[in-house]
Protein backbone atom coordinates (compact mmCIF):
# COMPACT_ATOMS: atom_id res chain seq x y z
CA MET A 1 -5.85 1.57 0.70
CA ALA A 2 -8.57 0.11 2.92
CA ALA A 3 -7.78 -2.51 5.55
CA ARG A 4 -10.59 -4.93 6.23
CA ALA A 5 -11.68 -5.38 9.81
CA SER A 6 -11.78 -8.78 11.45
CA GLU A 7 -15.26 -10.33 11.31
CA ASP A 8 -14.87 -13.62 13.20
CA PRO A 9 -12.39 -15.42 15.49
CA ILE A 10 -10.82 -17.46 12.68
CA ARG A 11 -10.26 -14.40 10.57
CA GLU A 12 -8.88 -12.56 13.59
CA ALA A 13 -6.39 -15.37 14.18
CA VAL A 14 -5.25 -15.29 10.55
CA THR A 15 -4.85 -11.52 10.42
CA ALA A 16 -2.96 -11.54 13.70
CA ARG A 17 -0.38 -13.67 11.87
CA TYR A 18 -0.50 -12.22 8.35
CA ALA A 19 -1.47 -8.70 7.30
CA GLU A 20 -4.76 -8.00 5.57
CA ALA A 21 -5.49 -5.09 3.25
CA ILE A 22 -7.53 -4.62 0.11
CA THR A 23 -8.17 -1.51 -1.94
CA PRO A 24 -11.72 -0.35 -2.71
CA THR A 25 -11.14 -1.21 -6.38
CA MET A 26 -10.48 -4.86 -5.55
CA ALA A 27 -13.03 -5.04 -2.71
CA ARG A 28 -15.80 -4.18 -5.17
CA LEU A 29 -14.85 -7.21 -7.27
CA VAL A 30 -15.07 -9.78 -4.46
CA ASP A 31 -18.07 -12.10 -4.72
CA GLY A 32 -18.63 -13.07 -1.10
CA SER A 33 -21.22 -15.71 -2.07
CA ASP A 34 -18.66 -17.75 -4.00
CA PRO A 35 -16.04 -19.58 -1.90
CA ARG A 36 -13.94 -19.99 -5.05
CA ASP A 37 -14.22 -16.41 -6.22
CA PRO A 38 -10.80 -15.76 -7.84
CA ILE A 39 -10.55 -12.26 -6.41
CA GLY A 40 -11.68 -13.20 -2.91
CA LEU A 41 -9.26 -16.13 -2.80
CA GLN A 42 -6.36 -13.77 -3.47
CA PHE A 43 -7.17 -11.16 -0.83
CA VAL A 44 -9.61 -12.47 1.82
CA PRO A 45 -7.96 -14.29 4.77
CA ASP A 46 -8.53 -18.04 4.98
CA ALA A 47 -8.19 -20.33 8.01
CA ARG A 48 -5.95 -22.64 5.92
CA GLU A 49 -3.23 -19.99 6.09
CA LEU A 50 -2.54 -21.18 9.65
CA GLU A 51 -1.81 -24.72 8.42
CA ARG A 52 1.94 -24.88 7.95
CA ARG A 53 3.53 -27.81 6.14
CA ALA A 54 6.98 -29.23 6.86
CA ASP A 55 8.47 -28.12 3.52
CA GLU A 56 7.26 -24.50 3.80
CA LEU A 57 9.87 -21.84 4.54
CA ASP A 58 9.86 -18.35 6.07
CA ASP A 59 12.24 -17.26 3.29
CA PRO A 60 11.24 -19.64 0.49
CA ILE A 61 13.47 -18.19 -2.24
CA GLY A 62 16.50 -17.46 -0.04
CA ASP A 63 16.52 -13.65 -0.18
CA ASP A 64 18.36 -13.37 3.13
CA ALA A 65 21.38 -15.29 1.86
CA HIS A 66 21.88 -12.73 -0.90
CA SER A 67 21.29 -9.51 1.06
CA PRO A 68 24.66 -7.76 1.54
CA VAL A 69 23.01 -4.66 3.00
CA GLU A 70 19.44 -3.97 4.11
CA GLY A 71 17.22 -3.22 1.14
CA ILE A 72 19.34 -5.11 -1.40
CA VAL A 73 19.02 -8.65 -2.76
CA HIS A 74 21.91 -9.40 -5.13
CA ARG A 75 21.48 -12.91 -6.51
CA TYR A 76 22.61 -12.56 -10.14
CA PRO A 77 25.77 -10.93 -11.54
CA ASP A 78 24.22 -8.11 -13.60
CA ARG A 79 21.04 -7.23 -11.68
CA LEU A 80 19.74 -6.81 -8.18
CA LEU A 81 16.61 -6.01 -6.22
CA LEU A 82 16.23 -2.75 -4.35
CA THR A 83 13.43 -3.08 -1.79
CA PRO A 84 12.78 0.41 -0.37
CA LEU A 85 9.65 -0.60 1.56
CA THR A 86 7.80 -3.58 3.00
CA VAL A 87 4.27 -2.23 2.55
CA CYS A 88 1.68 -3.04 -0.13
CA PRO A 89 -1.72 -1.63 -1.11
CA VAL A 90 -3.12 -5.19 -1.01
CA TYR A 91 -1.75 -8.25 0.77
CA CYS A 92 -1.87 -11.38 -1.33
CA ARG A 93 -2.75 -14.44 0.72
CA PHE A 94 -0.04 -16.44 -1.12
CA CYS A 95 2.81 -13.90 -0.87
CA PHE A 96 6.30 -15.42 -0.75
CA ARG A 97 7.47 -12.50 1.45
CA ARG A 98 4.52 -12.71 3.83
CA GLU A 99 6.85 -13.13 6.83
CA THR A 100 8.35 -9.66 6.23
CA VAL A 101 5.84 -7.71 4.14
CA GLY A 102 2.90 -6.20 5.98
CA GLY A 103 4.04 -7.25 9.45
CA PRO A 104 4.40 -5.02 12.53
CA ALA A 105 7.86 -3.91 11.45
CA SER A 106 6.83 -3.09 7.88
CA SER A 107 7.86 0.37 6.81
CA VAL A 108 9.71 2.50 4.31
CA LEU A 109 13.47 2.06 4.47
CA PRO A 110 14.91 4.95 6.53
CA GLN A 111 16.91 7.51 4.56
CA ALA A 112 20.30 6.41 5.92
CA LYS A 113 19.63 2.77 5.04
CA LEU A 114 18.24 3.73 1.63
CA ASP A 115 21.42 5.71 0.92
CA ALA A 116 23.54 2.74 2.02
CA ALA A 117 21.62 0.51 -0.39
CA LEU A 118 22.10 3.01 -3.21
CA ASP A 119 25.80 3.25 -2.33
CA TYR A 120 26.00 -0.52 -2.76
CA VAL A 121 24.51 -0.19 -6.26
CA ARG A 122 27.00 2.58 -7.00
CA SER A 123 29.91 0.39 -5.86
CA ARG A 124 29.05 -2.52 -8.15
CA PRO A 125 29.89 -1.68 -11.79
CA ASP A 126 28.62 -5.10 -12.90
CA VAL A 127 25.03 -4.12 -12.03
CA TRP A 128 23.25 -3.29 -15.29
CA GLU A 129 19.65 -3.48 -14.04
CA VAL A 130 17.99 -2.46 -10.78
CA ILE A 131 14.62 -3.98 -9.94
CA LEU A 132 12.44 -2.01 -7.53
CA SER A 133 10.37 -4.39 -5.45
CA GLY A 134 9.29 -4.71 -1.86
CA GLY A 135 6.48 -4.12 -0.86
CA ASP A 136 5.11 -2.20 -3.78
CA PRO A 137 7.36 0.68 -4.88
CA LEU A 138 4.56 2.64 -6.56
CA ILE A 139 2.94 3.40 -3.21
CA LEU A 140 6.04 5.31 -2.13
CA SER A 141 5.56 9.05 -1.92
CA THR A 142 6.29 10.74 -5.20
CA ARG A 143 9.18 12.56 -3.50
CA ARG A 144 10.80 9.34 -2.26
CA LEU A 145 10.32 7.52 -5.56
CA SER A 146 11.75 10.51 -7.42
CA TYR A 147 14.81 10.49 -5.12
CA ILE A 148 15.45 6.82 -5.85
CA LEU A 149 14.99 7.09 -9.62
CA ASP A 150 17.02 10.30 -9.88
CA THR A 151 19.87 8.68 -7.93
CA LEU A 152 19.82 5.59 -10.15
CA ARG A 153 19.77 7.79 -13.26
CA ARG A 154 23.09 9.29 -12.16
CA ILE A 155 24.82 5.90 -11.78
CA PRO A 156 26.42 5.33 -15.21
CA HIS A 157 26.52 1.53 -15.17
CA VAL A 158 22.82 1.19 -14.30
CA LYS A 159 21.10 1.15 -17.67
CA ILE A 160 17.67 -0.29 -16.87
CA VAL A 161 15.16 0.11 -14.04
CA ARG A 162 12.39 -2.42 -13.59
CA ILE A 163 9.44 -1.82 -11.25
CA HIS A 164 7.36 -4.71 -9.88
CA THR A 165 3.88 -3.55 -8.93
CA ARG A 166 0.20 -4.32 -8.52
CA VAL A 167 -0.74 -0.64 -8.25
CA PRO A 168 -2.03 0.09 -11.79
CA LEU A 169 -4.83 -2.45 -11.37
CA VAL A 170 -5.50 -2.39 -7.62
CA ASP A 171 -5.18 1.39 -7.10
CA PRO A 172 -5.53 2.99 -10.55
CA ALA A 173 -5.82 6.55 -9.25
CA ARG A 174 -2.18 6.42 -8.16
CA ILE A 175 -1.09 6.48 -11.81
CA ASP A 176 -1.51 10.25 -12.02
CA ASP A 177 0.33 13.00 -13.88
CA GLU A 178 2.74 13.64 -11.01
CA LEU A 179 3.83 10.00 -10.88
CA LEU A 180 4.11 9.79 -14.66
CA ALA A 181 6.34 12.87 -14.71
CA VAL A 182 8.70 11.14 -12.24
CA LEU A 183 8.83 8.02 -14.38
CA ASP A 184 9.49 10.15 -17.48
CA ARG A 185 12.78 11.34 -15.96
CA ALA A 186 14.07 7.88 -15.17
CA LYS A 187 16.32 5.59 -17.17
CA PRO A 188 14.53 3.19 -19.50
CA VAL A 189 11.82 1.84 -17.23
CA TYR A 190 10.15 -1.54 -17.50
CA VAL A 191 7.01 -2.02 -15.39
CA ALA A 192 6.07 -5.59 -14.44
CA VAL A 193 2.34 -5.56 -13.68
CA HIS A 194 1.17 -8.36 -11.39
CA ALA A 195 -2.29 -9.84 -12.05
CA ASN A 196 -3.66 -13.34 -11.68
CA HIS A 197 -7.15 -13.18 -13.17
CA ALA A 198 -8.71 -11.27 -16.05
CA ARG A 199 -11.39 -9.79 -13.75
CA GLU A 200 -8.69 -7.66 -12.10
CA PHE A 201 -8.72 -5.49 -15.24
CA THR A 202 -11.42 -2.96 -14.37
CA ASP A 203 -12.13 -0.02 -16.66
CA ALA A 204 -10.14 2.22 -14.32
CA GLY A 205 -7.28 -0.27 -14.21
CA CYS A 206 -7.14 -0.51 -17.99
CA ALA A 207 -7.06 3.29 -18.21
CA ALA A 208 -4.17 3.42 -15.72
CA VAL A 209 -2.23 0.82 -17.71
CA ALA A 210 -2.90 2.82 -20.89
CA ARG A 211 -1.45 5.95 -19.26
CA LEU A 212 1.78 4.04 -18.56
CA ALA A 213 1.95 2.59 -22.06
CA ASP A 214 1.20 5.94 -23.69
CA ARG A 215 4.26 7.41 -21.93
CA GLY A 216 6.49 4.84 -23.62
CA LEU A 217 7.03 2.61 -20.59
CA VAL A 218 7.54 -1.05 -21.48
CA LEU A 219 4.96 -3.20 -19.70
CA LEU A 220 5.49 -6.84 -18.74
CA SER A 221 3.30 -9.26 -16.80
CA GLN A 222 3.81 -11.31 -13.68
CA THR A 223 1.36 -14.02 -12.66
CA VAL A 224 1.40 -16.72 -9.99
CA LEU A 225 -0.20 -20.06 -10.86
CA LEU A 226 -2.88 -20.52 -8.18
CA ARG A 227 -5.37 -23.30 -7.47
CA HIS A 228 -8.98 -22.24 -8.26
CA VAL A 229 -7.80 -18.79 -9.42
CA ASN A 230 -6.17 -19.42 -12.79
CA ASP A 231 -5.39 -23.16 -12.97
CA SER A 232 -7.29 -23.84 -16.19
CA VAL A 233 -6.54 -23.29 -19.85
CA GLU A 234 -9.59 -21.03 -20.09
CA ALA A 235 -8.61 -18.78 -17.15
CA LEU A 236 -4.93 -18.55 -18.11
CA GLY A 237 -5.73 -17.96 -21.76
CA GLU A 238 -8.20 -15.18 -20.96
CA LEU A 239 -5.71 -13.55 -18.59
CA MET A 240 -2.83 -13.64 -21.07
CA ARG A 241 -5.02 -12.25 -23.85
CA THR A 242 -6.17 -9.49 -21.52
CA PHE A 243 -2.57 -8.57 -20.78
CA VAL A 244 -1.78 -8.35 -24.50
CA GLU A 245 -4.94 -6.38 -25.29
CA ASN A 246 -3.71 -3.84 -22.73
CA ARG A 247 -0.17 -3.68 -24.22
CA ILE A 248 1.38 -5.79 -21.46
CA LYS A 249 3.68 -8.53 -22.74
CA PRO A 250 3.26 -11.83 -20.83
CA TYR A 251 6.57 -12.44 -19.06
CA TYR A 252 6.56 -14.83 -16.08
CA LEU A 253 4.11 -17.42 -14.82
CA HIS A 254 5.47 -18.28 -11.37
CA HIS A 255 5.17 -21.71 -9.82
CA LEU A 256 3.98 -20.97 -6.30
CA ASP A 257 6.79 -20.57 -3.76
CA LYS A 258 6.66 -22.64 -0.57
CA ALA A 259 5.71 -19.85 1.80
CA PRO A 260 4.00 -20.77 5.09
CA GLY A 261 0.27 -21.39 4.93
CA THR A 262 -0.05 -21.38 1.14
CA ALA A 263 -0.46 -25.10 0.35
CA HIS A 264 -4.14 -24.69 -0.57
CA PHE A 265 -3.05 -22.51 -3.52
CA ARG A 266 -0.47 -24.97 -4.82
CA VAL A 267 -0.82 -26.51 -8.28
CA PRO A 268 1.38 -29.58 -8.89
CA LEU A 269 4.30 -28.86 -11.16
CA ALA A 270 3.26 -31.55 -13.65
CA GLU A 271 -0.17 -29.92 -13.91
CA GLY A 272 1.44 -26.53 -14.50
CA LYS A 273 3.54 -27.98 -17.31
CA ALA A 274 0.43 -29.51 -18.86
CA LEU A 275 -1.35 -26.16 -18.73
CA MET A 276 1.54 -24.48 -20.51
CA SER A 277 1.51 -27.18 -23.20
CA ALA A 278 -2.22 -26.70 -23.63
CA LEU A 279 -1.79 -22.94 -24.13
CA ARG A 280 0.66 -23.50 -26.98
CA GLY A 281 -1.25 -23.18 -30.23
CA ARG A 282 -4.54 -22.34 -28.51
CA VAL A 283 -3.53 -18.73 -27.89
CA SER A 284 -1.24 -16.43 -29.83
CA GLY A 285 2.50 -16.60 -29.36
CA LEU A 286 2.21 -13.08 -27.96
CA CYS A 287 0.28 -14.60 -25.05
CA GLN A 288 2.87 -17.20 -23.93
CA PRO A 289 4.61 -16.48 -20.60
CA THR A 290 7.66 -18.36 -19.33
CA TYR A 291 6.73 -20.85 -16.62
CA ILE A 292 9.37 -20.60 -13.90
CA ALA A 293 10.21 -21.67 -10.38
CA ASP A 294 12.39 -19.97 -7.80
CA ILE A 295 14.53 -22.82 -6.50
CA PRO A 296 14.30 -22.98 -2.69
CA GLY A 297 17.49 -21.99 -0.92
CA GLY A 298 18.31 -18.95 -2.99
CA HIS A 299 19.52 -20.65 -6.18
CA GLY A 300 17.52 -18.41 -8.50
CA LYS A 301 14.80 -18.80 -11.11
CA SER A 302 14.74 -21.59 -13.69
CA PRO A 303 12.33 -22.18 -16.56
CA LEU A 304 10.22 -25.28 -16.04
CA ASN A 305 10.96 -26.87 -19.38
CA ASP A 306 12.92 -29.93 -20.45
CA ASP A 307 16.23 -28.02 -20.59
CA TYR A 308 16.09 -27.31 -16.85
CA LEU A 309 13.64 -29.81 -15.40
CA ALA A 310 13.71 -33.60 -15.11
CA GLY A 311 12.05 -36.25 -13.02
CA GLY A 312 14.45 -36.75 -10.15
CA GLY A 313 12.96 -39.51 -8.03
CA PRO A 314 10.63 -42.48 -7.86
CA GLY A 315 7.50 -40.49 -7.15
CA PRO A 316 5.48 -38.16 -9.42
CA GLY A 317 6.32 -35.23 -7.12
CA ASP A 318 10.09 -35.71 -7.24
CA TRP A 319 11.88 -33.36 -9.62
CA GLN A 320 15.38 -32.15 -10.41
CA ILE A 321 15.75 -28.49 -11.39
CA THR A 322 18.94 -27.11 -12.90
CA ASP A 323 19.87 -23.56 -11.92
CA TYR A 324 21.43 -20.91 -14.17
CA GLN A 325 24.93 -22.01 -13.15
CA GLY A 326 24.29 -25.62 -14.15
CA HIS A 327 23.89 -26.96 -10.61
CA LYS A 328 21.10 -29.50 -10.05
CA HIS A 329 18.68 -29.32 -7.10
CA ARG A 330 16.08 -31.78 -5.87
CA TYR A 331 12.56 -30.35 -5.72
CA ARG A 332 9.91 -32.37 -3.90
CA GLU A 333 6.18 -31.70 -3.82
């Protein structure tokens, strides 16, 4: 992982507020001559990150309200997030956890707190799936990751482990034989690979993804809909095809969360819906993700389709989203 040094006062002000890091693999892809370069937009600090809007939230999806112990977010009955670290190999300029990830206090969860989090999992027989997130769990030491996965394997009611990561594409060398051996010993493991543009798939990244797939790990995609990065039928279609060509099943296309300083990335919800409609029929059914939003306030994810979404006000940016429990929430853009 290579942190980029500050080069000017504006950049210094941004990185004093939000962490900056980019791996050599991604740094080589940045086209510094193009202000709309889809890789540079994701990782290079921008002065607009200091422009906070009134509707932006430090905790935009309400993690804190569902955290019974440090390192756990338990929002749904049968699954929870285990966040053993708050460090990433790259820091996305649109991250919904940017107030906690990569900051001065970012670290690996101390052993005592990790054990308390695992004890919580052990105490909840309704938990069927544990999702490792953070931070990026695949930059944990192999010893620490092995400890977590071995502990989860011994909890009878935990049947599935899901890992959310950018590592295979941003730091392909990390997907080595030692790491693969650790994953081999785990319960059925699903790996959700985060990418937002087809150019992120370097030759080395594709080889790393292939090593995961060849070991029988089920690979899913995660993508955030971002202005000037992937907000066209052509860019989204190419990305989803690239996922499928690399044995990654398109899973979620996230509507951007209202994190501070991210408004310049925001695509209106109506435009996102139109993009999804345009993909239908133009690309294979294998290439269709579910377009979702995390409802602000901690109410969970909902698909952005007619079963869950309706116009909720007089303006084009007024919506009503129904959560998984049937409760309706106003969403304003």
